[in-house]
N, C-alpha and C. Protein backbone atom coordinates (compact mmCIF):
# COMPACT_ATOMS: atom_id res chain seq x y z
N MET A 1 0.85 -1.18 0.00
CA MET A 1 0.00 0.00 0.00
C MET A 1 0.89 1.23 0.00
N LYS A 2 0.65 2.10 -0.91
CA LYS A 2 1.49 3.28 -1.09
C LYS A 2 0.83 4.48 -0.46
N ILE A 3 1.61 5.18 0.43
CA ILE A 3 1.09 6.38 1.11
C ILE A 3 1.86 7.57 0.60
N SER A 4 1.14 8.61 0.24
CA SER A 4 1.78 9.80 -0.32
C SER A 4 2.50 10.59 0.78
N LEU A 5 3.47 11.40 0.35
CA LEU A 5 4.25 12.21 1.29
C LEU A 5 3.37 13.21 2.01
N SER A 6 2.42 13.78 1.29
CA SER A 6 1.54 14.79 1.91
C SER A 6 0.70 14.17 3.02
N ARG A 7 0.28 12.91 2.80
CA ARG A 7 -0.52 12.25 3.83
C ARG A 7 0.32 11.92 5.05
N LEU A 8 1.58 11.52 4.82
CA LEU A 8 2.48 11.27 5.94
C LEU A 8 2.70 12.53 6.77
N ILE A 9 2.86 13.66 6.10
CA ILE A 9 3.07 14.93 6.80
C ILE A 9 1.84 15.30 7.62
N THR A 10 0.65 15.10 7.03
CA THR A 10 -0.60 15.39 7.74
C THR A 10 -0.75 14.51 8.97
N LEU A 11 -0.44 13.21 8.80
CA LEU A 11 -0.56 12.27 9.91
C LEU A 11 0.43 12.62 11.02
N PHE A 12 1.65 12.97 10.66
CA PHE A 12 2.66 13.33 11.64
C PHE A 12 2.27 14.60 12.40
N SER A 13 1.71 15.57 11.67
CA SER A 13 1.29 16.83 12.29
C SER A 13 0.17 16.59 13.29
N THR A 14 -0.77 15.72 12.91
CA THR A 14 -1.90 15.40 13.81
C THR A 14 -1.41 14.72 15.07
N MET A 15 -0.48 13.77 14.91
CA MET A 15 0.05 13.07 16.09
C MET A 15 0.82 14.03 16.99
N THR A 16 1.58 14.93 16.39
CA THR A 16 2.35 15.90 17.17
C THR A 16 1.45 16.82 17.96
N LEU A 17 0.39 17.33 17.30
CA LEU A 17 -0.56 18.20 18.00
C LEU A 17 -1.27 17.48 19.13
N SER A 18 -1.63 16.21 18.88
CA SER A 18 -2.30 15.42 19.91
C SER A 18 -1.39 15.20 21.10
N LEU A 19 -0.10 14.91 20.85
CA LEU A 19 0.86 14.71 21.92
C LEU A 19 1.07 15.98 22.72
N CYS A 20 1.18 17.10 22.04
CA CYS A 20 1.38 18.38 22.73
C CYS A 20 0.18 18.72 23.61
N SER A 21 -1.02 18.46 23.08
CA SER A 21 -2.24 18.72 23.85
C SER A 21 -2.30 17.85 25.09
N SER A 22 -1.90 16.59 24.95
CA SER A 22 -1.92 15.68 26.09
C SER A 22 -0.92 16.12 27.15
N LEU A 23 0.27 16.54 26.72
CA LEU A 23 1.28 17.01 27.66
C LEU A 23 0.83 18.27 28.38
N ALA A 24 0.20 19.19 27.63
CA ALA A 24 -0.29 20.43 28.24
C ALA A 24 -1.38 20.15 29.26
N LEU A 25 -2.27 19.21 28.93
CA LEU A 25 -3.35 18.86 29.85
C LEU A 25 -2.80 18.21 31.11
N ALA A 26 -1.82 17.33 30.94
CA ALA A 26 -1.21 16.68 32.10
C ALA A 26 -0.50 17.68 32.99
N GLN A 27 0.17 18.65 32.37
CA GLN A 27 0.87 19.67 33.13
C GLN A 27 -0.10 20.54 33.91
N SER A 28 -1.23 20.89 33.29
CA SER A 28 -2.22 21.74 33.94
C SER A 28 -2.90 21.03 35.10
N GLN A 29 -2.91 19.68 35.05
CA GLN A 29 -3.56 18.91 36.10
C GLN A 29 -2.61 18.52 37.23
N GLN A 30 -1.34 18.89 37.11
CA GLN A 30 -0.39 18.58 38.17
C GLN A 30 -0.73 19.39 39.42
N THR A 31 -0.60 18.76 40.58
CA THR A 31 -0.87 19.46 41.83
C THR A 31 0.36 20.22 42.29
N TYR A 32 0.12 21.27 43.04
CA TYR A 32 1.21 22.04 43.62
C TYR A 32 0.81 22.41 45.04
N SER A 33 1.78 22.78 45.83
CA SER A 33 1.52 23.17 47.21
C SER A 33 2.37 24.39 47.54
N GLY A 34 2.06 25.03 48.67
CA GLY A 34 2.82 26.21 49.04
C GLY A 34 2.41 26.71 50.41
N TRP A 35 2.99 27.87 50.77
CA TRP A 35 2.73 28.48 52.06
C TRP A 35 2.24 29.91 51.87
N THR A 36 1.31 30.30 52.72
CA THR A 36 0.91 31.70 52.85
C THR A 36 1.42 32.19 54.20
N LEU A 37 2.28 33.20 54.19
CA LEU A 37 2.79 33.79 55.42
C LEU A 37 1.98 35.05 55.71
N SER A 38 1.54 35.20 56.96
CA SER A 38 0.62 36.29 57.27
C SER A 38 0.99 36.96 58.58
N THR A 39 0.52 38.19 58.72
CA THR A 39 0.59 38.92 59.97
C THR A 39 -0.82 39.28 60.39
N ASN A 40 -1.06 39.34 61.70
CA ASN A 40 -2.42 39.55 62.17
C ASN A 40 -2.46 40.45 63.40
N VAL A 41 -3.63 41.07 63.60
CA VAL A 41 -3.95 41.82 64.82
C VAL A 41 -5.22 41.22 65.38
N ASP A 42 -5.19 40.84 66.69
CA ASP A 42 -6.33 40.19 67.32
C ASP A 42 -6.89 41.04 68.45
N GLN A 43 -8.20 41.01 68.59
CA GLN A 43 -8.88 41.52 69.78
C GLN A 43 -9.37 40.29 70.55
N ILE A 44 -8.80 40.04 71.73
CA ILE A 44 -9.09 38.83 72.51
C ILE A 44 -9.97 39.20 73.69
N ASN A 45 -11.09 38.50 73.82
CA ASN A 45 -12.02 38.74 74.92
C ASN A 45 -11.88 37.61 75.94
N ILE A 46 -11.40 37.97 77.13
CA ILE A 46 -11.17 37.01 78.21
C ILE A 46 -12.43 36.89 79.05
N ASN A 47 -12.70 35.69 79.52
CA ASN A 47 -13.84 35.49 80.40
C ASN A 47 -13.78 36.47 81.58
N HIS A 48 -14.91 37.16 81.85
CA HIS A 48 -14.92 38.23 82.84
C HIS A 48 -14.55 37.74 84.23
N GLU A 49 -15.06 36.59 84.62
CA GLU A 49 -14.75 36.05 85.95
C GLU A 49 -13.28 35.68 86.07
N VAL A 50 -12.73 35.11 85.01
CA VAL A 50 -11.30 34.77 85.02
C VAL A 50 -10.45 36.02 85.12
N ALA A 51 -10.81 37.05 84.34
CA ALA A 51 -10.01 38.29 84.32
C ALA A 51 -9.95 38.96 85.68
N ASN A 52 -10.96 38.76 86.51
CA ASN A 52 -11.01 39.42 87.82
C ASN A 52 -10.55 38.52 88.97
N ARG A 53 -10.05 37.33 88.68
CA ARG A 53 -9.52 36.48 89.73
C ARG A 53 -8.27 37.12 90.34
N PRO A 54 -7.99 36.85 91.63
CA PRO A 54 -6.80 37.43 92.26
C PRO A 54 -5.48 37.06 91.58
N ASP A 55 -5.42 35.89 90.93
CA ASP A 55 -4.19 35.47 90.26
C ASP A 55 -4.12 35.94 88.80
N VAL A 56 -5.07 36.80 88.40
CA VAL A 56 -5.08 37.31 87.04
C VAL A 56 -5.11 38.85 87.06
N MET A 57 -6.22 39.45 87.41
CA MET A 57 -6.38 40.90 87.58
C MET A 57 -5.95 41.70 86.35
N VAL A 58 -6.56 41.36 85.21
CA VAL A 58 -6.37 42.16 83.99
C VAL A 58 -7.75 42.50 83.45
N ALA A 59 -7.80 43.44 82.50
CA ALA A 59 -9.06 43.74 81.83
C ALA A 59 -9.52 42.54 81.02
N ASP A 60 -10.83 42.49 80.75
CA ASP A 60 -11.35 41.31 80.05
C ASP A 60 -11.19 41.40 78.53
N SER A 61 -10.40 42.33 78.05
CA SER A 61 -10.04 42.37 76.63
C SER A 61 -8.56 42.67 76.50
N ALA A 62 -7.93 42.09 75.50
CA ALA A 62 -6.50 42.27 75.26
C ALA A 62 -6.25 42.35 73.77
N THR A 63 -5.12 42.93 73.43
CA THR A 63 -4.71 43.06 72.02
C THR A 63 -3.52 42.15 71.77
N ALA A 64 -3.50 41.54 70.59
CA ALA A 64 -2.38 40.67 70.22
C ALA A 64 -1.94 40.98 68.79
N ILE A 65 -0.66 40.84 68.55
CA ILE A 65 -0.11 40.89 67.19
C ILE A 65 0.62 39.58 66.96
N GLY A 66 0.60 39.11 65.70
CA GLY A 66 1.19 37.80 65.49
C GLY A 66 1.61 37.52 64.06
N LEU A 67 2.22 36.35 63.91
CA LEU A 67 2.65 35.81 62.61
C LEU A 67 2.12 34.40 62.48
N ALA A 68 1.78 34.00 61.26
CA ALA A 68 1.25 32.66 61.03
C ALA A 68 1.68 32.16 59.66
N GLY A 69 1.70 30.85 59.52
CA GLY A 69 1.96 30.21 58.24
C GLY A 69 0.83 29.25 57.91
N GLU A 70 0.35 29.29 56.67
CA GLU A 70 -0.74 28.41 56.23
C GLU A 70 -0.25 27.55 55.07
N TYR A 71 -0.40 26.24 55.21
CA TYR A 71 0.01 25.30 54.16
C TYR A 71 -1.20 24.91 53.33
N PHE A 72 -1.06 24.92 52.00
CA PHE A 72 -2.17 24.57 51.11
C PHE A 72 -1.69 23.68 49.97
N ARG A 73 -2.66 22.96 49.36
CA ARG A 73 -2.43 22.16 48.16
C ARG A 73 -3.50 22.51 47.13
N SER A 74 -3.11 22.48 45.87
CA SER A 74 -4.04 22.86 44.81
C SER A 74 -5.16 21.85 44.61
N ASP A 75 -4.97 20.61 45.06
CA ASP A 75 -5.99 19.58 44.86
C ASP A 75 -6.88 19.39 46.08
N SER A 76 -6.85 20.34 47.03
CA SER A 76 -7.65 20.22 48.24
C SER A 76 -8.06 21.60 48.74
N ASN A 77 -9.21 21.66 49.40
CA ASN A 77 -9.66 22.90 50.04
C ASN A 77 -9.10 23.05 51.46
N MET A 78 -8.46 22.01 51.97
CA MET A 78 -8.00 22.04 53.35
C MET A 78 -6.79 22.95 53.53
N ILE A 79 -6.81 23.71 54.63
CA ILE A 79 -5.71 24.58 55.00
C ILE A 79 -5.23 24.17 56.39
N TYR A 80 -3.90 24.13 56.58
CA TYR A 80 -3.30 23.81 57.87
C TYR A 80 -2.44 25.00 58.29
N ALA A 81 -2.72 25.54 59.48
CA ALA A 81 -2.05 26.77 59.91
C ALA A 81 -1.41 26.59 61.28
N ILE A 82 -0.27 27.26 61.46
CA ILE A 82 0.38 27.37 62.77
C ILE A 82 0.76 28.84 62.95
N GLY A 83 0.77 29.30 64.20
CA GLY A 83 1.10 30.70 64.41
C GLY A 83 1.53 31.02 65.82
N LEU A 84 2.01 32.24 65.98
CA LEU A 84 2.49 32.75 67.26
C LEU A 84 1.98 34.17 67.45
N ASN A 85 1.35 34.43 68.61
CA ASN A 85 0.85 35.76 68.97
C ASN A 85 1.60 36.30 70.17
N TYR A 86 1.75 37.62 70.20
CA TYR A 86 2.25 38.32 71.38
C TYR A 86 1.07 39.10 71.96
N ILE A 87 0.65 38.72 73.17
CA ILE A 87 -0.54 39.30 73.80
C ILE A 87 -0.13 40.42 74.75
N MET A 88 -0.82 41.56 74.63
CA MET A 88 -0.60 42.70 75.52
C MET A 88 -1.86 42.91 76.35
N TYR A 89 -1.78 42.51 77.64
CA TYR A 89 -2.92 42.67 78.54
C TYR A 89 -3.07 44.14 78.93
N ASN A 90 -4.31 44.51 79.26
CA ASN A 90 -4.57 45.78 79.94
C ASN A 90 -4.58 45.47 81.44
N ASP A 91 -3.50 45.83 82.10
CA ASP A 91 -3.27 45.37 83.47
C ASP A 91 -4.06 46.18 84.48
N ASN A 92 -4.67 45.48 85.44
CA ASN A 92 -5.38 46.12 86.55
C ASN A 92 -4.67 45.96 87.89
N ASN A 93 -3.45 45.47 87.84
CA ASN A 93 -2.73 45.23 89.09
C ASN A 93 -1.23 45.51 88.90
N GLU A 94 -0.92 46.67 88.37
CA GLU A 94 0.47 47.03 88.11
C GLU A 94 1.23 47.23 89.42
N PHE A 95 2.53 47.06 89.33
CA PHE A 95 3.39 47.40 90.46
C PHE A 95 4.60 48.15 89.93
N SER A 96 5.29 48.83 90.82
CA SER A 96 6.48 49.60 90.45
C SER A 96 7.66 49.17 91.30
N GLN A 97 8.85 49.41 90.78
CA GLN A 97 10.05 48.95 91.47
C GLN A 97 11.25 49.77 91.00
N TYR A 98 12.16 50.02 91.93
CA TYR A 98 13.42 50.65 91.54
C TYR A 98 14.30 49.63 90.83
N VAL A 99 14.89 50.06 89.71
CA VAL A 99 15.70 49.17 88.88
C VAL A 99 17.08 49.78 88.69
N GLU A 100 18.10 48.99 88.91
CA GLU A 100 19.47 49.43 88.69
C GLU A 100 19.83 49.30 87.21
N ASP A 101 20.38 50.36 86.65
CA ASP A 101 20.79 50.36 85.25
C ASP A 101 22.28 50.08 85.18
N ASN A 102 22.66 48.90 84.68
CA ASN A 102 24.07 48.52 84.64
C ASN A 102 24.86 49.30 83.59
N TRP A 103 24.17 49.85 82.58
CA TRP A 103 24.87 50.57 81.53
C TRP A 103 25.26 51.98 81.98
N TYR A 104 24.34 52.66 82.68
CA TYR A 104 24.58 54.05 83.05
C TYR A 104 24.75 54.25 84.56
N ASN A 105 24.79 53.12 85.29
CA ASN A 105 24.97 53.18 86.74
C ASN A 105 23.94 54.08 87.41
N GLY A 106 22.74 54.01 86.87
CA GLY A 106 21.66 54.81 87.42
C GLY A 106 20.62 53.94 88.10
N ARG A 107 19.64 54.60 88.71
CA ARG A 107 18.55 53.90 89.39
C ARG A 107 17.24 54.53 88.94
N ASN A 108 16.38 53.71 88.32
CA ASN A 108 15.13 54.21 87.77
C ASN A 108 13.95 53.53 88.45
N TYR A 109 12.83 54.25 88.47
CA TYR A 109 11.60 53.72 89.04
C TYR A 109 10.72 53.27 87.87
N GLU A 110 10.57 51.96 87.71
CA GLU A 110 9.89 51.41 86.54
C GLU A 110 8.56 50.75 86.92
N GLU A 111 7.60 50.81 85.98
CA GLU A 111 6.31 50.15 86.17
C GLU A 111 6.28 48.83 85.41
N SER A 112 5.47 47.92 85.89
CA SER A 112 5.39 46.58 85.29
C SER A 112 4.56 46.58 84.02
N ASP A 113 4.79 45.58 83.19
CA ASP A 113 3.98 45.28 82.01
C ASP A 113 3.35 43.91 82.19
N ALA A 114 2.23 43.68 81.52
CA ALA A 114 1.57 42.37 81.57
C ALA A 114 1.41 41.87 80.15
N ASN A 115 2.02 40.73 79.85
CA ASN A 115 1.96 40.21 78.49
C ASN A 115 2.16 38.70 78.49
N ALA A 116 2.01 38.12 77.30
CA ALA A 116 2.12 36.66 77.16
C ALA A 116 2.36 36.31 75.70
N PHE A 117 2.71 35.06 75.46
CA PHE A 117 2.78 34.51 74.11
C PHE A 117 1.68 33.46 73.95
N MET A 118 1.14 33.38 72.76
CA MET A 118 0.17 32.35 72.41
C MET A 118 0.63 31.61 71.17
N ILE A 119 0.64 30.28 71.23
CA ILE A 119 0.86 29.48 70.04
C ILE A 119 -0.47 28.83 69.66
N PHE A 120 -0.69 28.66 68.36
CA PHE A 120 -1.96 28.07 67.94
C PHE A 120 -1.77 27.25 66.66
N ALA A 121 -2.70 26.32 66.47
CA ALA A 121 -2.74 25.50 65.26
C ALA A 121 -4.19 25.36 64.83
N GLU A 122 -4.42 25.40 63.51
CA GLU A 122 -5.77 25.35 62.96
C GLU A 122 -5.80 24.46 61.72
N ALA A 123 -6.97 23.93 61.42
CA ALA A 123 -7.16 23.16 60.19
C ALA A 123 -8.62 23.28 59.77
N GLY A 124 -8.83 23.38 58.45
CA GLY A 124 -10.19 23.46 57.94
C GLY A 124 -10.22 23.90 56.49
N PRO A 125 -11.40 23.85 55.85
CA PRO A 125 -11.50 24.18 54.44
C PRO A 125 -11.52 25.68 54.17
N LYS A 126 -11.00 26.03 53.01
CA LYS A 126 -11.04 27.40 52.50
C LYS A 126 -11.69 27.34 51.12
N ILE A 127 -12.87 27.93 50.98
CA ILE A 127 -13.68 27.78 49.77
C ILE A 127 -13.78 29.12 49.05
N TYR A 128 -13.37 29.14 47.80
CA TYR A 128 -13.43 30.37 47.00
C TYR A 128 -14.79 30.49 46.32
N PHE A 129 -15.24 31.74 46.13
CA PHE A 129 -16.53 31.98 45.49
C PHE A 129 -16.49 33.35 44.81
N GLY A 130 -17.61 33.69 44.15
CA GLY A 130 -17.71 34.96 43.45
C GLY A 130 -17.46 34.82 41.97
N ALA A 131 -17.80 35.86 41.23
CA ALA A 131 -17.65 35.83 39.78
C ALA A 131 -16.20 35.66 39.35
N ASP A 132 -15.28 36.26 40.09
CA ASP A 132 -13.86 36.14 39.77
C ASP A 132 -13.17 35.06 40.59
N ASN A 133 -13.92 34.38 41.46
CA ASN A 133 -13.39 33.30 42.29
C ASN A 133 -12.22 33.76 43.16
N LEU A 134 -12.27 35.01 43.63
CA LEU A 134 -11.20 35.55 44.45
C LEU A 134 -11.62 35.79 45.90
N SER A 135 -12.92 35.82 46.16
CA SER A 135 -13.39 35.90 47.54
C SER A 135 -13.40 34.50 48.15
N PHE A 136 -13.27 34.41 49.47
CA PHE A 136 -13.23 33.09 50.08
C PHE A 136 -13.87 33.09 51.47
N PHE A 137 -14.32 31.90 51.84
CA PHE A 137 -14.91 31.62 53.14
C PHE A 137 -14.11 30.49 53.77
N SER A 138 -13.86 30.58 55.08
CA SER A 138 -13.10 29.53 55.75
C SER A 138 -13.82 29.10 57.02
N ALA A 139 -13.68 27.83 57.35
CA ALA A 139 -14.20 27.27 58.60
C ALA A 139 -13.12 26.36 59.17
N ARG A 140 -12.73 26.59 60.42
CA ARG A 140 -11.60 25.85 60.97
C ARG A 140 -11.86 25.43 62.41
N ALA A 141 -11.16 24.39 62.81
CA ALA A 141 -11.06 23.99 64.21
C ALA A 141 -9.64 24.31 64.66
N GLY A 142 -9.50 24.82 65.88
CA GLY A 142 -8.18 25.22 66.33
C GLY A 142 -7.94 24.93 67.79
N ILE A 143 -6.69 25.02 68.18
CA ILE A 143 -6.28 24.86 69.57
C ILE A 143 -5.19 25.88 69.85
N SER A 144 -5.22 26.48 71.04
CA SER A 144 -4.21 27.47 71.41
C SER A 144 -3.68 27.18 72.80
N ALA A 145 -2.48 27.65 73.07
CA ALA A 145 -1.87 27.55 74.39
C ALA A 145 -1.20 28.88 74.70
N ILE A 146 -1.36 29.36 75.93
CA ILE A 146 -0.77 30.63 76.36
C ILE A 146 0.47 30.32 77.19
N LEU A 147 1.59 30.94 76.82
CA LEU A 147 2.88 30.68 77.45
C LEU A 147 3.46 31.96 78.03
N ASP A 148 4.27 31.81 79.06
CA ASP A 148 5.01 32.93 79.65
C ASP A 148 4.08 34.12 79.92
N SER A 149 2.94 33.85 80.54
CA SER A 149 1.95 34.88 80.85
C SER A 149 2.31 35.50 82.19
N THR A 150 2.90 36.71 82.17
CA THR A 150 3.46 37.28 83.40
C THR A 150 3.20 38.78 83.50
N ARG A 151 3.32 39.26 84.71
CA ARG A 151 3.36 40.69 85.06
C ARG A 151 4.76 40.94 85.59
N SER A 152 5.53 41.79 84.90
CA SER A 152 6.94 41.94 85.27
C SER A 152 7.47 43.28 84.77
N ILE A 153 8.70 43.59 85.20
CA ILE A 153 9.41 44.77 84.71
C ILE A 153 10.18 44.37 83.45
N SER A 154 9.92 45.05 82.37
CA SER A 154 10.57 44.69 81.10
C SER A 154 12.08 44.92 81.18
N TYR A 155 12.83 44.01 80.55
CA TYR A 155 14.29 44.09 80.44
C TYR A 155 14.99 44.11 81.79
N CYS A 156 14.38 43.49 82.78
CA CYS A 156 15.01 43.38 84.10
C CYS A 156 15.18 41.90 84.42
N SER A 157 16.41 41.48 84.70
CA SER A 157 16.70 40.06 84.86
C SER A 157 16.36 39.53 86.25
N ASP A 158 16.39 40.35 87.27
CA ASP A 158 16.17 39.85 88.62
C ASP A 158 15.09 40.64 89.38
N CYS A 159 14.16 41.25 88.65
CA CYS A 159 13.06 41.99 89.29
C CYS A 159 11.94 41.04 89.69
N TYR A 160 11.07 41.54 90.52
CA TYR A 160 9.90 40.79 90.94
C TYR A 160 8.97 40.56 89.74
N SER A 161 8.30 39.42 89.71
CA SER A 161 7.33 39.12 88.65
C SER A 161 6.23 38.24 89.20
N GLU A 162 5.09 38.23 88.51
CA GLU A 162 3.94 37.42 88.90
C GLU A 162 3.40 36.69 87.69
N ASP A 163 2.94 35.47 87.90
CA ASP A 163 2.26 34.73 86.83
C ASP A 163 0.83 35.24 86.68
N ILE A 164 0.37 35.29 85.43
CA ILE A 164 -1.02 35.61 85.12
C ILE A 164 -1.62 34.34 84.54
N ASN A 165 -2.47 33.70 85.31
CA ASN A 165 -2.91 32.34 84.98
C ASN A 165 -4.14 32.34 84.06
N ILE A 166 -3.86 32.48 82.78
CA ILE A 166 -4.89 32.41 81.74
C ILE A 166 -4.53 31.29 80.78
N ASN A 167 -5.51 30.46 80.44
CA ASN A 167 -5.27 29.32 79.56
C ASN A 167 -5.95 29.51 78.22
N GLY A 168 -5.32 28.98 77.18
CA GLY A 168 -5.97 28.89 75.88
C GLY A 168 -6.93 27.72 75.86
N GLY A 169 -7.28 27.21 74.68
CA GLY A 169 -8.20 26.09 74.62
C GLY A 169 -8.57 25.73 73.20
N LEU A 170 -9.65 24.98 73.08
CA LEU A 170 -10.17 24.57 71.77
C LEU A 170 -11.17 25.61 71.27
N TYR A 171 -11.16 25.86 69.97
CA TYR A 171 -12.07 26.85 69.41
C TYR A 171 -12.46 26.50 67.98
N GLY A 172 -13.54 27.09 67.55
CA GLY A 172 -13.95 27.04 66.15
C GLY A 172 -13.84 28.43 65.56
N ALA A 173 -13.51 28.52 64.27
CA ALA A 173 -13.28 29.81 63.64
C ALA A 173 -13.99 29.87 62.28
N LEU A 174 -14.64 31.00 62.03
CA LEU A 174 -15.25 31.30 60.74
C LEU A 174 -14.61 32.56 60.19
N GLY A 175 -14.27 32.55 58.90
CA GLY A 175 -13.62 33.71 58.30
C GLY A 175 -14.12 34.00 56.91
N ILE A 176 -13.90 35.23 56.50
CA ILE A 176 -14.23 35.66 55.14
C ILE A 176 -13.14 36.61 54.67
N GLY A 177 -12.83 36.55 53.38
CA GLY A 177 -11.75 37.40 52.89
C GLY A 177 -11.74 37.52 51.39
N HIS A 178 -10.72 38.19 50.88
CA HIS A 178 -10.59 38.41 49.43
C HIS A 178 -9.11 38.38 49.06
N SER A 179 -8.83 37.78 47.91
CA SER A 179 -7.47 37.71 47.39
C SER A 179 -7.24 38.83 46.39
N PHE A 180 -6.18 39.60 46.60
CA PHE A 180 -5.77 40.64 45.67
C PHE A 180 -4.55 40.16 44.88
N ASP A 181 -3.93 41.05 44.13
CA ASP A 181 -2.83 40.63 43.26
C ASP A 181 -1.69 40.00 44.04
N ARG A 182 -1.29 40.60 45.13
CA ARG A 182 -0.12 40.15 45.86
C ARG A 182 -0.39 39.71 47.28
N PHE A 183 -1.61 39.84 47.75
CA PHE A 183 -1.89 39.50 49.15
C PHE A 183 -3.35 39.15 49.35
N ASP A 184 -3.64 38.52 50.49
CA ASP A 184 -5.00 38.22 50.93
C ASP A 184 -5.33 39.09 52.13
N LEU A 185 -6.59 39.52 52.22
CA LEU A 185 -7.08 40.26 53.38
C LEU A 185 -8.30 39.52 53.92
N SER A 186 -8.29 39.19 55.21
CA SER A 186 -9.38 38.39 55.77
C SER A 186 -9.72 38.83 57.19
N LEU A 187 -10.94 38.48 57.60
CA LEU A 187 -11.44 38.73 58.94
C LEU A 187 -11.95 37.41 59.49
N GLN A 188 -11.52 37.05 60.71
CA GLN A 188 -11.86 35.75 61.29
C GLN A 188 -12.41 35.92 62.70
N PHE A 189 -13.50 35.23 63.00
CA PHE A 189 -14.07 35.21 64.34
C PHE A 189 -13.83 33.84 64.96
N GLN A 190 -13.33 33.82 66.19
CA GLN A 190 -13.02 32.58 66.89
C GLN A 190 -13.89 32.47 68.14
N GLN A 191 -14.58 31.37 68.29
CA GLN A 191 -15.39 31.10 69.47
C GLN A 191 -14.76 29.95 70.25
N TYR A 192 -14.40 30.20 71.51
CA TYR A 192 -13.74 29.19 72.32
C TYR A 192 -14.76 28.29 73.02
N PHE A 193 -14.42 27.01 73.10
CA PHE A 193 -15.25 26.01 73.78
C PHE A 193 -14.64 25.57 75.11
N THR A 194 -13.34 25.73 75.26
CA THR A 194 -12.66 25.41 76.51
C THR A 194 -11.67 26.52 76.82
N GLY A 195 -11.12 26.51 78.04
CA GLY A 195 -10.12 27.50 78.41
C GLY A 195 -10.75 28.76 78.98
N ASP A 196 -9.95 29.82 79.05
CA ASP A 196 -10.34 31.06 79.73
C ASP A 196 -10.68 32.21 78.79
N ILE A 197 -10.64 31.96 77.49
CA ILE A 197 -10.98 33.00 76.51
C ILE A 197 -12.40 32.75 76.01
N ASP A 198 -13.18 33.82 75.93
CA ASP A 198 -14.54 33.69 75.39
C ASP A 198 -14.52 33.63 73.86
N ASN A 199 -13.92 34.63 73.24
CA ASN A 199 -13.84 34.69 71.78
C ASN A 199 -12.79 35.71 71.38
N SER A 200 -12.52 35.77 70.10
CA SER A 200 -11.56 36.75 69.58
C SER A 200 -11.89 37.08 68.13
N LEU A 201 -11.41 38.23 67.70
CA LEU A 201 -11.61 38.70 66.33
C LEU A 201 -10.24 39.00 65.75
N ARG A 202 -9.97 38.47 64.55
CA ARG A 202 -8.65 38.59 63.94
C ARG A 202 -8.73 39.26 62.56
N LEU A 203 -7.91 40.28 62.36
CA LEU A 203 -7.70 40.88 61.05
C LEU A 203 -6.35 40.43 60.54
N GLN A 204 -6.34 39.82 59.34
CA GLN A 204 -5.14 39.13 58.87
C GLN A 204 -4.80 39.55 57.44
N VAL A 205 -3.51 39.76 57.19
CA VAL A 205 -2.99 40.03 55.84
C VAL A 205 -1.98 38.94 55.51
N GLY A 206 -2.19 38.24 54.39
CA GLY A 206 -1.33 37.12 54.03
C GLY A 206 -0.66 37.30 52.68
N PHE A 207 0.53 36.75 52.54
CA PHE A 207 1.31 36.81 51.30
C PHE A 207 1.69 35.39 50.90
N THR A 208 1.34 34.99 49.68
CA THR A 208 1.56 33.61 49.22
C THR A 208 2.91 33.48 48.52
N PHE A 209 3.61 32.39 48.83
CA PHE A 209 4.93 32.11 48.21
C PHE A 209 4.90 30.76 47.52
């Protein structure tokens, strides 16, 4: 059977186009993963009875600033997040103390600060919606722990200090946000089920890498 040169060229071109299309489709279907690094500002509402206990004595609201990382995959809606907050209490039981300054050989009268660190971990779906598919809704379960929660003189190695006994706990979080060209902006509400915090509100800005 004799096949003309023009038919061979046509057949070869068709096979080449088909192969290229298959490779492009396979490449587009490949999964990828990455991290979103974010900074946040939180308004934390502490249980009123806990805030007024003798071993606590702070206002029932506090401000926190923090950093977090969120891991994502293109083939899943699930997001896994870890983060660290620095909590600044509004103290209702400040104390003052004379402090020796080793650098200038002086003696200063300093007031105490009340603060703590919080570590947290969250997991849950992030669902995009809207005409441009850039807005998103998130629902997560999380757990937090409060560390080094103290009332003390800042930058003093041997000054008096007191523990502020506030615990984190388990919480659920609902959020809504929008993705822009280079960053995400979101608002998240957290409701605690255990621990000494009632709820918190988080404003978060994230950058994807």
